[in-house]
Amino acid sequence: RKFLMYKVEAKQGNIIINKAVIGKIILEAIGQFKGRIWISNHKGKIVNLKQRWGTSDGTDYMYIAMGEKGLDVRVNIVIRFGTSIGMVTEQLIHDIKYDIERLTGIEANSIAIVVTGLISKQITRRNIEVKG
């Protein structure tokens, strides 16, 4: 049950939300930037999200945990050079928090976006963390 994140028992039945759901919400938020940002590992290497079972949720490269105050998320990204770090991180934090709470009903306690690098022709290493 390592993928189980959240379970609510109700009269009508159980509601179960797993990490893949949260991963998909995060990937949707990243997808809106249309190739200007990518998921990376903690060292700044862009990860190739191979599709498993017809879909990729990216959770192997994200920290997603349920804490006492709600969901804690940390995502490493690489940004295309010339894209505003402040704009991207602020928008991602807002969208991820809003969509998690709206779509799952789970409180988003902390969302951290770590900019591990900038890419032009080559990746320039960075370690910039923005929390919301």
Protein backbone atom coordinates (compact mmCIF):
# COMPACT_ATOMS: atom_id res chain seq x y z
CA ARG A 1 0.00 0.00 0.00
CA LYS A 2 2.95 2.37 -0.54
CA PHE A 3 0.96 4.28 -3.16
CA LEU A 4 -2.01 5.00 -0.88
CA MET A 5 -2.04 8.67 0.11
CA TYR A 6 -5.43 9.43 1.53
CA LYS A 7 -8.52 7.45 2.48
CA VAL A 8 -11.91 8.65 3.70
CA GLU A 9 -14.60 6.24 4.77
CA ALA A 10 -18.15 7.43 4.09
CA LYS A 11 -21.61 5.86 4.19
CA GLN A 12 -21.63 5.57 0.41
CA GLY A 13 -18.20 3.89 0.34
CA ASN A 14 -14.51 4.65 0.58
CA ILE A 15 -12.68 7.43 -1.22
CA ILE A 16 -9.06 6.56 -1.92
CA ILE A 17 -6.56 8.92 -3.51
CA ASN A 18 -3.09 7.64 -4.35
CA LYS A 19 0.19 9.33 -5.27
CA ALA A 20 -0.41 8.83 -8.99
CA VAL A 21 -3.41 11.17 -8.81
CA ILE A 22 -1.31 13.89 -7.17
CA GLY A 23 1.48 13.24 -9.71
CA LYS A 24 -0.95 13.70 -12.60
CA ILE A 25 -2.21 16.99 -11.13
CA ILE A 26 1.40 18.23 -10.91
CA LEU A 27 2.19 17.10 -14.48
CA GLU A 28 -0.92 18.89 -15.75
CA ALA A 29 0.28 22.12 -14.08
CA ILE A 30 3.74 21.70 -15.64
CA GLY A 31 2.22 20.88 -19.04
CA GLN A 32 0.62 24.32 -19.29
CA PHE A 33 4.11 25.79 -19.85
CA LYS A 34 4.38 23.94 -23.17
CA GLY A 35 8.02 22.83 -23.16
CA ARG A 36 9.49 25.71 -21.16
CA ILE A 37 9.95 23.60 -18.02
CA TRP A 38 10.76 19.94 -17.35
CA ILE A 39 10.81 17.66 -14.32
CA SER A 40 14.34 16.91 -13.17
CA ASN A 41 16.08 14.89 -10.52
CA HIS A 42 17.70 16.66 -7.56
CA LYS A 43 20.95 17.05 -9.53
CA GLY A 44 19.27 18.93 -12.38
CA LYS A 45 19.16 16.10 -14.92
CA ILE A 46 15.94 16.18 -16.94
CA VAL A 47 14.09 12.92 -16.42
CA ASN A 48 12.42 11.03 -19.22
CA LEU A 49 8.97 10.13 -17.93
CA LYS A 50 8.50 6.79 -19.62
CA GLN A 51 4.93 5.74 -19.82
CA ARG A 52 3.95 2.80 -17.66
CA TRP A 53 0.65 1.11 -18.28
CA GLY A 54 -0.25 3.77 -20.84
CA THR A 55 0.45 6.71 -18.56
CA SER A 56 3.26 8.33 -16.60
CA ASP A 57 2.62 10.02 -13.28
CA GLY A 58 6.20 11.18 -12.52
CA THR A 59 5.89 10.37 -8.81
CA ASP A 60 9.29 8.65 -8.77
CA TYR A 61 10.80 12.12 -9.16
CA MET A 62 8.52 14.05 -6.77
CA TYR A 63 8.29 14.18 -3.01
CA ILE A 64 4.63 13.71 -2.07
CA ALA A 65 3.73 13.01 1.55
CA MET A 66 0.73 13.40 3.82
CA GLY A 67 1.64 15.34 6.95
CA GLU A 68 -0.43 16.34 9.96
CA LYS A 69 -1.45 19.64 8.34
CA GLY A 70 -2.05 18.25 4.86
CA LEU A 71 -0.16 17.31 1.73
CA ASP A 72 3.51 18.27 1.34
CA VAL A 73 4.89 18.36 -2.21
CA ARG A 74 8.38 19.07 -3.59
CA VAL A 75 9.11 19.07 -7.32
CA ASN A 76 12.48 19.60 -9.04
CA ILE A 77 12.35 21.40 -12.38
CA VAL A 78 14.63 22.74 -15.10
CA ILE A 79 13.52 25.96 -16.81
CA ARG A 80 14.29 27.13 -20.34
CA PHE A 81 16.64 30.13 -20.29
CA GLY A 82 14.71 33.38 -20.69
CA THR A 83 11.64 32.12 -18.82
CA SER A 84 10.90 34.03 -15.61
CA ILE A 85 11.77 31.87 -12.60
CA GLY A 86 9.50 33.95 -10.37
CA MET A 87 6.54 33.74 -12.74
CA VAL A 88 6.91 29.99 -13.31
CA THR A 89 7.36 29.05 -9.66
CA GLU A 90 4.56 31.34 -8.46
CA GLN A 91 2.15 30.00 -11.10
CA LEU A 92 3.09 26.36 -10.42
CA ILE A 93 2.68 26.74 -6.65
CA HIS A 94 -0.72 28.40 -7.11
CA ASP A 95 -2.01 25.92 -9.70
CA ILE A 96 -0.79 22.79 -7.92
CA LYS A 97 -2.22 23.91 -4.57
CA TYR A 98 -5.53 25.00 -6.11
CA ASP A 99 -5.98 21.85 -8.21
CA ILE A 100 -5.04 19.45 -5.40
CA GLU A 101 -7.56 21.07 -3.06
CA ARG A 102 -10.27 21.45 -5.72
CA LEU A 103 -9.95 18.00 -7.28
CA THR A 104 -9.19 15.87 -4.22
CA GLY A 105 -10.47 17.83 -1.23
CA ILE A 106 -7.08 17.34 0.45
CA GLU A 107 -5.51 20.39 2.10
CA ALA A 108 -2.19 21.31 0.46
CA ASN A 109 0.08 22.25 3.38
CA SER A 110 3.26 23.07 1.46
CA ILE A 111 4.25 23.16 -2.20
CA ALA A 112 7.97 23.60 -2.96
CA ILE A 113 9.35 24.07 -6.45
CA VAL A 114 13.13 23.59 -6.71
CA VAL A 115 14.71 25.06 -9.84
CA THR A 116 17.68 22.76 -10.35
CA GLY A 117 18.87 24.32 -13.58
CA LEU A 118 18.36 26.53 -16.60
CA ILE A 119 18.64 25.15 -20.10
CA SER A 120 19.64 26.91 -23.29
CA LYS A 121 21.95 24.77 -25.38
CA GLN A 122 23.32 23.23 -22.20
CA ILE A 123 21.99 22.98 -18.66
CA THR A 124 23.34 25.57 -16.23
CA ARG A 125 23.11 24.14 -12.72
CA ARG A 126 21.08 26.03 -10.13
CA ASN A 127 19.55 25.21 -6.76
CA ILE A 128 16.73 27.69 -6.19
CA GLU A 129 13.85 26.60 -3.96
CA VAL A 130 10.58 28.51 -3.82
CA LYS A 131 7.89 27.57 -1.32
CA GLY A 132 4.26 28.53 -1.15
